[in-house]
Amino acid sequence: MPKQNNKDKQKEVLDKLFIILEINENKKTFSLKELDNSEEKQKEILGLEGEIKEAFCYSSWTCFRRDIKRKWLSMIKYVMKDMEKNLISTNKAFKNDSGKFENVLIYTVL
């Protein structure tokens, strides 16, 4: 449950996440592969931890209770959920540069 008196801070955190993920009116998706390959984006998201803890009720968030793989992805999911944004994941097959097909997990923000 979000802290009621921190709506502005919560919106600010969400806006920062959207900037990092390059989410805007025209682009509503990001890929797990893109984030896995971008240590810079991972660090930027992890850098929001203090602001997230200040703005949200996070005591039940797994990413802050124990060490998990892709903490940054869990942080994205919890912020989106608390801000009532739907995050839909879809597996898509793409041809890579070598001509082989690979599955890529695509997240869409609604």
PDB file of N, CA and C in Angstrom:
ATOM      1  N   MET A   1       0.849  -1.184   0.000  1.00  0.00           N
ATOM      2  CA  MET A   1       0.000   0.000   0.000  1.00  0.00           C
ATOM      3  C   MET A   1       0.893   1.245   0.000  1.00  0.00           C
ATOM      4  N   PRO A   2       0.729   2.142  -0.999  1.00  0.00           N
ATOM      5  CA  PRO A   2       1.567   3.334  -1.066  1.00  0.00           C
ATOM      6  C   PRO A   2       1.294   4.287   0.095  1.00  0.00           C
ATOM      7  N   LYS A   3       2.330   5.017   0.491  1.00  0.00           N
ATOM      8  CA  LYS A   3       2.161   6.056   1.493  1.00  0.00           C
ATOM      9  C   LYS A   3       1.347   7.184   0.864  1.00  0.00           C
ATOM     10  N   GLN A   4       0.253   7.559   1.484  1.00  0.00           N
ATOM     11  CA  GLN A   4      -0.671   8.537   0.910  1.00  0.00           C
ATOM     12  C   GLN A   4      -0.049   9.926   0.787  1.00  0.00           C
ATOM     13  N   ASN A   5       0.830  10.292   1.696  1.00  0.00           N
ATOM     14  CA  ASN A   5       1.381  11.644   1.685  1.00  0.00           C
ATOM     15  C   ASN A   5       2.596  11.783   0.758  1.00  0.00           C
ATOM     16  N   ASN A   6       2.936  10.753   0.043  1.00  0.00           N
ATOM     17  CA  ASN A   6       4.124  10.797  -0.805  1.00  0.00           C
ATOM     18  C   ASN A   6       3.808  10.626  -2.283  1.00  0.00           C
ATOM     19  N   LYS A   7       2.602  10.945  -2.700  1.00  0.00           N
ATOM     20  CA  LYS A   7       2.210  10.744  -4.105  1.00  0.00           C
ATOM     21  C   LYS A   7       3.133  11.482  -5.070  1.00  0.00           C
ATOM     22  N   ASP A   8       3.541  12.702  -4.718  1.00  0.00           N
ATOM     23  CA  ASP A   8       4.432  13.461  -5.596  1.00  0.00           C
ATOM     24  C   ASP A   8       5.785  12.775  -5.723  1.00  0.00           C
ATOM     25  N   LYS A   9       6.320  12.286  -4.600  1.00  0.00           N
ATOM     26  CA  LYS A   9       7.609  11.579  -4.620  1.00  0.00           C
ATOM     27  C   LYS A   9       7.498  10.284  -5.412  1.00  0.00           C
ATOM     28  N   GLN A  10       6.371   9.595  -5.249  1.00  0.00           N
ATOM     29  CA  GLN A  10       6.164   8.352  -5.984  1.00  0.00           C
ATOM     30  C   GLN A  10       6.123   8.617  -7.487  1.00  0.00           C
ATOM     31  N   LYS A  11       5.409   9.675  -7.880  1.00  0.00           N
ATOM     32  CA  LYS A  11       5.324  10.039  -9.293  1.00  0.00           C
ATOM     33  C   LYS A  11       6.697  10.412  -9.833  1.00  0.00           C
ATOM     34  N   GLU A  12       7.492  11.083  -9.014  1.00  0.00           N
ATOM     35  CA  GLU A  12       8.844  11.465  -9.404  1.00  0.00           C
ATOM     36  C   GLU A  12       9.711  10.225  -9.653  1.00  0.00           C
ATOM     37  N   VAL A  13       9.603   9.232  -8.775  1.00  0.00           N
ATOM     38  CA  VAL A  13      10.357   7.981  -8.944  1.00  0.00           C
ATOM     39  C   VAL A  13       9.905   7.281 -10.222  1.00  0.00           C
ATOM     40  N   LEU A  14       8.613   7.209 -10.445  1.00  0.00           N
ATOM     41  CA  LEU A  14       8.087   6.573 -11.650  1.00  0.00           C
ATOM     42  C   LEU A  14       8.596   7.290 -12.899  1.00  0.00           C
ATOM     43  N   ASP A  15       8.580   8.614 -12.877  1.00  0.00           N
ATOM     44  CA  ASP A  15       9.078   9.390 -14.018  1.00  0.00           C
ATOM     45  C   ASP A  15      10.556   9.099 -14.280  1.00  0.00           C
ATOM     46  N   LYS A  16      11.347   8.975 -13.217  1.00  0.00           N
ATOM     47  CA  LYS A  16      12.771   8.656 -13.377  1.00  0.00           C
ATOM     48  C   LYS A  16      12.949   7.260 -13.970  1.00  0.00           C
ATOM     49  N   LEU A  17      12.136   6.308 -13.524  1.00  0.00           N
ATOM     50  CA  LEU A  17      12.185   4.960 -14.096  1.00  0.00           C
ATOM     51  C   LEU A  17      11.845   5.003 -15.585  1.00  0.00           C
ATOM     52  N   PHE A  18      10.820   5.761 -15.943  1.00  0.00           N
ATOM     53  CA  PHE A  18      10.430   5.877 -17.348  1.00  0.00           C
ATOM     54  C   PHE A  18      11.565   6.462 -18.188  1.00  0.00           C
ATOM     55  N   ILE A  19      12.279   7.421 -17.643  1.00  0.00           N
ATOM     56  CA  ILE A  19      13.414   8.012 -18.369  1.00  0.00           C
ATOM     57  C   ILE A  19      14.502   6.965 -18.570  1.00  0.00           C
ATOM     58  N   ILE A  20      14.835   6.233 -17.521  1.00  0.00           N
ATOM     59  CA  ILE A  20      15.866   5.196 -17.616  1.00  0.00           C
ATOM     60  C   ILE A  20      15.460   4.125 -18.625  1.00  0.00           C
ATOM     61  N   LEU A  21      14.188   3.711 -18.578  1.00  0.00           N
ATOM     62  CA  LEU A  21      13.694   2.650 -19.452  1.00  0.00           C
ATOM     63  C   LEU A  21      13.298   3.165 -20.839  1.00  0.00           C
ATOM     64  N   GLU A  22      13.369   4.485 -21.013  1.00  0.00           N
ATOM     65  CA  GLU A  22      13.011   5.139 -22.276  1.00  0.00           C
ATOM     66  C   GLU A  22      11.549   4.879 -22.639  1.00  0.00           C
ATOM     67  N   ILE A  23      10.699   4.912 -21.611  1.00  0.00           N
ATOM     68  CA  ILE A  23       9.257   4.755 -21.803  1.00  0.00           C
ATOM     69  C   ILE A  23       8.651   6.143 -21.999  1.00  0.00           C
ATOM     70  N   ASN A  24       7.855   6.296 -23.039  1.00  0.00           N
ATOM     71  CA  ASN A  24       7.178   7.570 -23.296  1.00  0.00           C
ATOM     72  C   ASN A  24       5.874   7.307 -24.043  1.00  0.00           C
ATOM     73  N   GLU A  25       5.241   8.350 -24.548  1.00  0.00           N
ATOM     74  CA  GLU A  25       3.962   8.213 -25.244  1.00  0.00           C
ATOM     75  C   GLU A  25       4.067   7.294 -26.460  1.00  0.00           C
ATOM     76  N   ASN A  26       5.219   7.316 -27.126  1.00  0.00           N
ATOM     77  CA  ASN A  26       5.399   6.543 -28.358  1.00  0.00           C
ATOM     78  C   ASN A  26       6.022   5.167 -28.132  1.00  0.00           C
ATOM     79  N   LYS A  27       6.718   4.996 -27.038  1.00  0.00           N
ATOM     80  CA  LYS A  27       7.407   3.727 -26.770  1.00  0.00           C
ATOM     81  C   LYS A  27       7.008   3.243 -25.380  1.00  0.00           C
ATOM     82  N   LYS A  28       6.288   2.148 -25.338  1.00  0.00           N
ATOM     83  CA  LYS A  28       5.759   1.614 -24.080  1.00  0.00           C
ATOM     84  C   LYS A  28       6.433   0.303 -23.673  1.00  0.00           C
ATOM     85  N   THR A  29       7.500  -0.090 -24.366  1.00  0.00           N
ATOM     86  CA  THR A  29       8.110  -1.392 -24.100  1.00  0.00           C
ATOM     87  C   THR A  29       9.599  -1.277 -23.770  1.00  0.00           C
ATOM     88  N   PHE A  30      10.081  -2.289 -23.055  1.00  0.00           N
ATOM     89  CA  PHE A  30      11.524  -2.471 -22.854  1.00  0.00           C
ATOM     90  C   PHE A  30      11.775  -3.969 -22.793  1.00  0.00           C
ATOM     91  N   SER A  31      12.989  -4.374 -23.117  1.00  0.00           N
ATOM     92  CA  SER A  31      13.299  -5.807 -23.135  1.00  0.00           C
ATOM     93  C   SER A  31      14.225  -6.173 -21.981  1.00  0.00           C
ATOM     94  N   LEU A  32      14.050  -7.376 -21.509  1.00  0.00           N
ATOM     95  CA  LEU A  32      14.920  -7.883 -20.450  1.00  0.00           C
ATOM     96  C   LEU A  32      16.356  -7.972 -20.962  1.00  0.00           C
ATOM     97  N   LYS A  33      16.525  -8.370 -22.210  1.00  0.00           N
ATOM     98  CA  LYS A  33      17.867  -8.481 -22.796  1.00  0.00           C
ATOM     99  C   LYS A  33      18.573  -7.126 -22.793  1.00  0.00           C
ATOM    100  N   GLU A  34      17.831  -6.090 -23.160  1.00  0.00           N
ATOM    101  CA  GLU A  34      18.391  -4.732 -23.182  1.00  0.00           C
ATOM    102  C   GLU A  34      18.898  -4.341 -21.795  1.00  0.00           C
ATOM    103  N   LEU A  35      18.098  -4.628 -20.767  1.00  0.00           N
ATOM    104  CA  LEU A  35      18.511  -4.283 -19.408  1.00  0.00           C
ATOM    105  C   LEU A  35      19.636  -5.176 -18.906  1.00  0.00           C
ATOM    106  N   ASP A  36      19.580  -6.461 -19.243  1.00  0.00           N
ATOM    107  CA  ASP A  36      20.663  -7.369 -18.852  1.00  0.00           C
ATOM    108  C   ASP A  36      21.996  -6.918 -19.426  1.00  0.00           C
ATOM    109  N   ASN A  37      21.966  -6.336 -20.620  1.00  0.00           N
ATOM    110  CA  ASN A  37      23.188  -5.917 -21.292  1.00  0.00           C
ATOM    111  C   ASN A  37      23.621  -4.490 -20.963  1.00  0.00           C
ATOM    112  N   SER A  38      22.864  -3.797 -20.116  1.00  0.00           N
ATOM    113  CA  SER A  38      23.187  -2.409 -19.792  1.00  0.00           C
ATOM    114  C   SER A  38      23.444  -2.247 -18.288  1.00  0.00           C
ATOM    115  N   GLU A  39      24.699  -2.385 -17.906  1.00  0.00           N
ATOM    116  CA  GLU A  39      25.057  -2.184 -16.500  1.00  0.00           C
ATOM    117  C   GLU A  39      24.748  -0.752 -16.059  1.00  0.00           C
ATOM    118  N   GLU A  40      24.845   0.184 -16.982  1.00  0.00           N
ATOM    119  CA  GLU A  40      24.562   1.589 -16.659  1.00  0.00           C
ATOM    120  C   GLU A  40      23.098   1.756 -16.217  1.00  0.00           C
ATOM    121  N   LYS A  41      22.170   1.171 -16.980  1.00  0.00           N
ATOM    122  CA  LYS A  41      20.752   1.276 -16.616  1.00  0.00           C
ATOM    123  C   LYS A  41      20.472   0.546 -15.305  1.00  0.00           C
ATOM    124  N   GLN A  42      21.096  -0.605 -15.113  1.00  0.00           N
ATOM    125  CA  GLN A  42      20.922  -1.348 -13.863  1.00  0.00           C
ATOM    126  C   GLN A  42      21.365  -0.499 -12.677  1.00  0.00           C
ATOM    127  N   LYS A  43      22.522   0.152 -12.810  1.00  0.00           N
ATOM    128  CA  LYS A  43      23.038   0.991 -11.728  1.00  0.00           C
ATOM    129  C   LYS A  43      22.140   2.201 -11.484  1.00  0.00           C
ATOM    130  N   GLU A  44      21.601   2.771 -12.554  1.00  0.00           N
ATOM    131  CA  GLU A  44      20.697   3.916 -12.400  1.00  0.00           C
ATOM    132  C   GLU A  44      19.439   3.507 -11.630  1.00  0.00           C
ATOM    133  N   ILE A  45      18.892   2.339 -11.956  1.00  0.00           N
ATOM    134  CA  ILE A  45      17.695   1.854 -11.263  1.00  0.00           C
ATOM    135  C   ILE A  45      18.023   1.552  -9.807  1.00  0.00           C
ATOM    136  N   LEU A  46      19.127   0.861  -9.572  1.00  0.00           N
ATOM    137  CA  LEU A  46      19.540   0.564  -8.193  1.00  0.00           C
ATOM    138  C   LEU A  46      19.821   1.846  -7.415  1.00  0.00           C
ATOM    139  N   GLY A  47      20.254   2.880  -8.122  1.00  0.00           N
ATOM    140  CA  GLY A  47      20.515   4.179  -7.501  1.00  0.00           C
ATOM    141  C   GLY A  47      19.258   4.867  -6.991  1.00  0.00           C
ATOM    142  N   LEU A  48      18.099   4.403  -7.408  1.00  0.00           N
ATOM    143  CA  LEU A  48      16.825   4.971  -6.943  1.00  0.00           C
ATOM    144  C   LEU A  48      16.354   4.350  -5.633  1.00  0.00           C
ATOM    145  N   GLU A  49      17.110   3.404  -5.094  1.00  0.00           N
ATOM    146  CA  GLU A  49      16.671   2.681  -3.900  1.00  0.00           C
ATOM    147  C   GLU A  49      16.294   3.618  -2.750  1.00  0.00           C
ATOM    148  N   GLY A  50      17.119   4.593  -2.456  1.00  0.00           N
ATOM    149  CA  GLY A  50      16.833   5.524  -1.365  1.00  0.00           C
ATOM    150  C   GLY A  50      15.544   6.291  -1.585  1.00  0.00           C
ATOM    151  N   GLU A  51      15.348   6.773  -2.811  1.00  0.00           N
ATOM    152  CA  GLU A  51      14.127   7.513  -3.131  1.00  0.00           C
ATOM    153  C   GLU A  51      12.897   6.609  -3.056  1.00  0.00           C
ATOM    154  N   ILE A  52      13.063   5.364  -3.491  1.00  0.00           N
ATOM    155  CA  ILE A  52      11.954   4.403  -3.432  1.00  0.00           C
ATOM    156  C   ILE A  52      11.576   4.135  -1.982  1.00  0.00           C
ATOM    157  N   LYS A  53      12.570   3.919  -1.135  1.00  0.00           N
ATOM    158  CA  LYS A  53      12.309   3.638   0.275  1.00  0.00           C
ATOM    159  C   LYS A  53      11.669   4.834   0.977  1.00  0.00           C
ATOM    160  N   GLU A  54      11.994   6.016   0.502  1.00  0.00           N
ATOM    161  CA  GLU A  54      11.422   7.235   1.085  1.00  0.00           C
ATOM    162  C   GLU A  54       9.962   7.426   0.667  1.00  0.00           C
ATOM    163  N   ALA A  55       9.630   7.000  -0.548  1.00  0.00           N
ATOM    164  CA  ALA A  55       8.313   7.300  -1.112  1.00  0.00           C
ATOM    165  C   ALA A  55       7.291   6.176  -0.994  1.00  0.00           C
ATOM    166  N   PHE A  56       7.743   4.935  -0.858  1.00  0.00           N
ATOM    167  CA  PHE A  56       6.837   3.791  -0.892  1.00  0.00           C
ATOM    168  C   PHE A  56       6.904   2.983   0.409  1.00  0.00           C
ATOM    169  N   CYS A  57       5.827   2.267   0.696  1.00  0.00           N
ATOM    170  CA  CYS A  57       5.834   1.266   1.769  1.00  0.00           C
ATOM    171  C   CYS A  57       6.425  -0.002   1.162  1.00  0.00           C
ATOM    172  N   TYR A  58       7.642  -0.307   1.492  1.00  0.00           N
ATOM    173  CA  TYR A  58       8.389  -1.349   0.800  1.00  0.00           C
ATOM    174  C   TYR A  58       8.688  -2.578   1.657  1.00  0.00           C
ATOM    175  N   SER A  59       8.151  -2.646   2.862  1.00  0.00           N
ATOM    176  CA  SER A  59       8.539  -3.713   3.793  1.00  0.00           C
ATOM    177  C   SER A  59       8.261  -5.112   3.262  1.00  0.00           C
ATOM    178  N   SER A  60       7.287  -5.263   2.371  1.00  0.00           N
ATOM    179  CA  SER A  60       6.980  -6.592   1.839  1.00  0.00           C
ATOM    180  C   SER A  60       7.678  -6.862   0.501  1.00  0.00           C
ATOM    181  N   TRP A  61       8.423  -5.902  -0.004  1.00  0.00           N
ATOM    182  CA  TRP A  61       9.093  -6.054  -1.293  1.00  0.00           C
ATOM    183  C   TRP A  61      10.274  -7.013  -1.145  1.00  0.00           C
ATOM    184  N   THR A  62      10.246  -8.083  -1.875  1.00  0.00           N
ATOM    185  CA  THR A  62      11.293  -9.110  -1.805  1.00  0.00           C
ATOM    186  C   THR A  62      12.679  -8.539  -2.098  1.00  0.00           C
ATOM    187  N   CYS A  63      12.757  -7.610  -3.008  1.00  0.00           N
ATOM    188  CA  CYS A  63      14.063  -7.066  -3.411  1.00  0.00           C
ATOM    189  C   CYS A  63      14.782  -6.355  -2.273  1.00  0.00           C
ATOM    190  N   PHE A  64      14.064  -5.937  -1.230  1.00  0.00           N
ATOM    191  CA  PHE A  64      14.698  -5.262  -0.099  1.00  0.00           C
ATOM    192  C   PHE A  64      14.788  -6.152   1.132  1.00  0.00           C
ATOM    193  N   ARG A  65      14.224  -7.356   1.055  1.00  0.00           N
ATOM    194  CA  ARG A  65      14.251  -8.259   2.207  1.00  0.00           C
ATOM    195  C   ARG A  65      15.356  -9.304   2.113  1.00  0.00           C
ATOM    196  N   ARG A  66      15.746  -9.651   0.900  1.00  0.00           N
ATOM    197  CA  ARG A  66      16.823 -10.634   0.745  1.00  0.00           C
ATOM    198  C   ARG A  66      17.545 -10.393  -0.576  1.00  0.00           C
ATOM    199  N   ASP A  67      18.681 -11.018  -0.711  1.00  0.00           N
ATOM    200  CA  ASP A  67      19.492 -10.879  -1.911  1.00  0.00           C
ATOM    201  C   ASP A  67      18.873 -11.695  -3.039  1.00  0.00           C
ATOM    202  N   ILE A  68      18.522 -11.039  -4.133  1.00  0.00           N
ATOM    203  CA  ILE A  68      17.919 -11.744  -5.262  1.00  0.00           C
ATOM    204  C   ILE A  68      18.620 -11.358  -6.558  1.00  0.00           C
ATOM    205  N   LYS A  69      18.494 -12.239  -7.554  1.00  0.00           N
ATOM    206  CA  LYS A  69      19.026 -11.952  -8.880  1.00  0.00           C
ATOM    207  C   LYS A  69      18.134 -10.885  -9.517  1.00  0.00           C
ATOM    208  N   ARG A  70      18.722  -9.976 -10.236  1.00  0.00           N
ATOM    209  CA  ARG A  70      17.992  -8.898 -10.917  1.00  0.00           C
ATOM    210  C   ARG A  70      17.133  -8.071  -9.950  1.00  0.00           C
ATOM    211  N   LYS A  71      17.771  -7.604  -8.903  1.00  0.00           N
ATOM    212  CA  LYS A  71      17.081  -6.745  -7.931  1.00  0.00           C
ATOM    213  C   LYS A  71      16.437  -5.555  -8.627  1.00  0.00           C
ATOM    214  N   TRP A  72      17.121  -5.005  -9.595  1.00  0.00           N
ATOM    215  CA  TRP A  72      16.638  -3.848 -10.337  1.00  0.00           C
ATOM    216  C   TRP A  72      15.320  -4.152 -11.049  1.00  0.00           C
ATOM    217  N   LEU A  73      15.144  -5.365 -11.572  1.00  0.00           N
ATOM    218  CA  LEU A  73      13.896  -5.737 -12.241  1.00  0.00           C
ATOM    219  C   LEU A  73      12.756  -5.831 -11.225  1.00  0.00           C
ATOM    220  N   SER A  74      13.047  -6.392 -10.072  1.00  0.00           N
ATOM    221  CA  SER A  74      12.049  -6.486  -9.014  1.00  0.00           C
ATOM    222  C   SER A  74      11.622  -5.088  -8.565  1.00  0.00           C
ATOM    223  N   MET A  75      12.569  -4.178  -8.460  1.00  0.00           N
ATOM    224  CA  MET A  75      12.247  -2.801  -8.082  1.00  0.00           C
ATOM    225  C   MET A  75      11.306  -2.167  -9.109  1.00  0.00           C
ATOM    226  N   ILE A  76      11.582  -2.388 -10.396  1.00  0.00           N
ATOM    227  CA  ILE A  76      10.716  -1.861 -11.458  1.00  0.00           C
ATOM    228  C   ILE A  76       9.301  -2.399 -11.288  1.00  0.00           C
ATOM    229  N   LYS A  77       9.196  -3.710 -11.091  1.00  0.00           N
ATOM    230  CA  LYS A  77       7.881  -4.352 -10.992  1.00  0.00           C
ATOM    231  C   LYS A  77       7.083  -3.832  -9.797  1.00  0.00           C
ATOM    232  N   TYR A  78       7.738  -3.695  -8.638  1.00  0.00           N
ATOM    233  CA  TYR A  78       7.023  -3.219  -7.452  1.00  0.00           C
ATOM    234  C   TYR A  78       6.574  -1.762  -7.597  1.00  0.00           C
ATOM    235  N   VAL A  79       7.434  -0.912  -8.145  1.00  0.00           N
ATOM    236  CA  VAL A  79       7.046   0.492  -8.336  1.00  0.00           C
ATOM    237  C   VAL A  79       5.861   0.576  -9.297  1.00  0.00           C
ATOM    238  N   MET A  80       5.939  -0.164 -10.398  1.00  0.00           N
ATOM    239  CA  MET A  80       4.845  -0.149 -11.372  1.00  0.00           C
ATOM    240  C   MET A  80       3.536  -0.619 -10.722  1.00  0.00           C
ATOM    241  N   LYS A  81       3.627  -1.679  -9.944  1.00  0.00           N
ATOM    242  CA  LYS A  81       2.433  -2.217  -9.286  1.00  0.00           C
ATOM    243  C   LYS A  81       1.842  -1.191  -8.318  1.00  0.00           C
ATOM    244  N   ASP A  82       2.682  -0.600  -7.488  1.00  0.00           N
ATOM    245  CA  ASP A  82       2.198   0.384  -6.514  1.00  0.00           C
ATOM    246  C   ASP A  82       1.639   1.641  -7.182  1.00  0.00           C
ATOM    247  N   MET A  83       2.127   1.946  -8.367  1.00  0.00           N
ATOM    248  CA  MET A  83       1.642   3.117  -9.103  1.00  0.00           C
ATOM    249  C   MET A  83       0.500   2.746 -10.056  1.00  0.00           C
ATOM    250  N   GLU A  84      -0.023   1.533  -9.877  1.00  0.00           N
ATOM    251  CA  GLU A  84      -1.162   1.032 -10.642  1.00  0.00           C
ATOM    252  C   GLU A  84      -0.916   1.021 -12.146  1.00  0.00           C
ATOM    253  N   LYS A  85       0.322   0.702 -12.520  1.00  0.00           N
ATOM    254  CA  LYS A  85       0.684   0.493 -13.920  1.00  0.00           C
ATOM    255  C   LYS A  85       0.726  -1.012 -14.163  1.00  0.00           C
ATOM    256  N   ASN A  86       0.146  -1.444 -15.248  1.00  0.00           N
ATOM    257  CA  ASN A  86       0.215  -2.855 -15.606  1.00  0.00           C
ATOM    258  C   ASN A  86       1.492  -3.101 -16.386  1.00  0.00           C
ATOM    259  N   LEU A  87       2.202  -4.143 -16.013  1.00  0.00           N
ATOM    260  CA  LEU A  87       3.431  -4.526 -16.690  1.00  0.00           C
ATOM    261  C   LEU A  87       3.201  -5.921 -17.260  1.00  0.00           C
ATOM    262  N   ILE A  88       3.065  -6.001 -18.569  1.00  0.00           N
ATOM    263  CA  ILE A  88       2.758  -7.251 -19.253  1.00  0.00           C
ATOM    264  C   ILE A  88       4.043  -7.788 -19.887  1.00  0.00           C
ATOM    265  N   SER A  89       4.338  -9.068 -19.634  1.00  0.00           N
ATOM    266  CA  SER A  89       5.526  -9.673 -20.241  1.00  0.00           C
ATOM    267  C   SER A  89       5.110 -10.606 -21.373  1.00  0.00           C
ATOM    268  N   THR A  90       5.882 -10.545 -22.452  1.00  0.00           N
ATOM    269  CA  THR A  90       5.618 -11.351 -23.638  1.00  0.00           C
ATOM    270  C   THR A  90       6.944 -11.891 -24.168  1.00  0.00           C
ATOM    271  N   ASN A  91       6.961 -13.171 -24.528  1.00  0.00           N
ATOM    272  CA  ASN A  91       8.133 -13.755 -25.169  1.00  0.00           C
ATOM    273  C   ASN A  91       8.014 -13.562 -26.667  1.00  0.00           C
ATOM    274  N   LYS A  92       9.049 -13.006 -27.277  1.00  0.00           N
ATOM    275  CA  LYS A  92       9.049 -12.832 -28.730  1.00  0.00           C
ATOM    276  C   LYS A  92      10.325 -13.453 -29.291  1.00  0.00           C
ATOM    277  N   ALA A  93      10.195 -14.046 -30.475  1.00  0.00           N
ATOM    278  CA  ALA A  93      11.352 -14.630 -31.152  1.00  0.00           C
ATOM    279  C   ALA A  93      11.859 -13.637 -32.194  1.00  0.00           C
ATOM    280  N   PHE A  94      13.179 -13.396 -32.151  1.00  0.00           N
ATOM    281  CA  PHE A  94      13.822 -12.497 -33.098  1.00  0.00           C
ATOM    282  C   PHE A  94      15.004 -13.212 -33.732  1.00  0.00           C
ATOM    283  N   LYS A  95      15.325 -12.807 -34.957  1.00  0.00           N
ATOM    284  CA  LYS A  95      16.549 -13.291 -35.577  1.00  0.00           C
ATOM    285  C   LYS A  95      17.689 -12.420 -35.095  1.00  0.00           C
ATOM    286  N   ASN A  96      18.723 -13.041 -34.572  1.00  0.00           N
ATOM    287  CA  ASN A  96      19.877 -12.258 -34.133  1.00  0.00           C
ATOM    288  C   ASN A  96      20.801 -11.988 -35.318  1.00  0.00           C
ATOM    289  N   ASP A  97      21.930 -11.338 -35.068  1.00  0.00           N
ATOM    290  CA  ASP A  97      22.854 -10.947 -36.136  1.00  0.00           C
ATOM    291  C   ASP A  97      23.419 -12.140 -36.899  1.00  0.00           C
ATOM    292  N   SER A  98      23.508 -13.291 -36.231  1.00  0.00           N
ATOM    293  CA  SER A  98      24.043 -14.481 -36.898  1.00  0.00           C
ATOM    294  C   SER A  98      22.954 -15.267 -37.639  1.00  0.00           C
ATOM    295  N   GLY A  99      21.723 -14.756 -37.629  1.00  0.00           N
ATOM    296  CA  GLY A  99      20.639 -15.405 -38.354  1.00  0.00           C
ATOM    297  C   GLY A  99      19.882 -16.452 -37.558  1.00  0.00           C
ATOM    298  N   LYS A 100      20.275 -16.675 -36.313  1.00  0.00           N
ATOM    299  CA  LYS A 100      19.580 -17.646 -35.467  1.00  0.00           C
ATOM    300  C   LYS A 100      18.460 -16.948 -34.701  1.00  0.00           C
ATOM    301  N   PHE A 101      17.409 -17.720 -34.430  1.00  0.00           N
ATOM    302  CA  PHE A 101      16.309 -17.175 -33.645  1.00  0.00           C
ATOM    303  C   PHE A 101      16.632 -17.255 -32.159  1.00  0.00           C
ATOM    304  N   GLU A 102      16.257 -16.208 -31.436  1.00  0.00           N
ATOM    305  CA  GLU A 102      16.394 -16.219 -29.982  1.00  0.00           C
ATOM    306  C   GLU A 102      15.148 -15.602 -29.372  1.00  0.00           C
ATOM    307  N   ASN A 103      14.778 -16.106 -28.205  1.00  0.00           N
ATOM    308  CA  ASN A 103      13.620 -15.572 -27.485  1.00  0.00           C
ATOM    309  C   ASN A 103      14.044 -14.382 -26.649  1.00  0.00           C
ATOM    310  N   VAL A 104      13.226 -13.346 -26.682  1.00  0.00           N
ATOM    311  CA  VAL A 104      13.478 -12.133 -25.915  1.00  0.00           C
ATOM    312  C   VAL A 104      12.211 -11.808 -25.124  1.00  0.00           C
ATOM    313  N   LEU A 105      12.386 -11.540 -23.846  1.00  0.00           N
ATOM    314  CA  LEU A 105      11.264 -11.160 -23.000  1.00  0.00           C
ATOM    315  C   LEU A 105      11.044  -9.659 -23.108  1.00  0.00           C
ATOM    316  N   ILE A 106       9.850  -9.276 -23.559  1.00  0.00           N
ATOM    317  CA  ILE A 106       9.489  -7.873 -23.754  1.00  0.00           C
ATOM    318  C   ILE A 106       8.446  -7.494 -22.703  1.00  0.00           C
ATOM    319  N   TYR A 107       8.687  -6.385 -22.021  1.00  0.00           N
ATOM    320  CA  TYR A 107       7.726  -5.855 -21.050  1.00  0.00           C
ATOM    321  C   TYR A 107       7.011  -4.659 -21.671  1.00  0.00           C
ATOM    322  N   THR A 108       5.697  -4.620 -21.517  1.00  0.00           N
ATOM    323  CA  THR A 108       4.878  -3.500 -22.001  1.00  0.00           C
ATOM    324  C   THR A 108       4.220  -2.836 -20.799  1.00  0.00           C
ATOM    325  N   VAL A 109       4.336  -1.514 -20.726  1.00  0.00           N
ATOM    326  CA  VAL A 109       3.734  -0.739 -19.644  1.00  0.00           C
ATOM    327  C   VAL A 109       2.399  -0.200 -20.144  1.00  0.00           C
ATOM    328  N   LEU A 110       1.348  -0.546 -19.390  1.00  0.00           N
ATOM    329  CA  LEU A 110       0.003  -0.064 -19.741  1.00  0.00           C
ATOM    330  C   LEU A 110      -0.530   0.864 -18.671  1.00  0.00           C
TER     331      LEU A 110
END
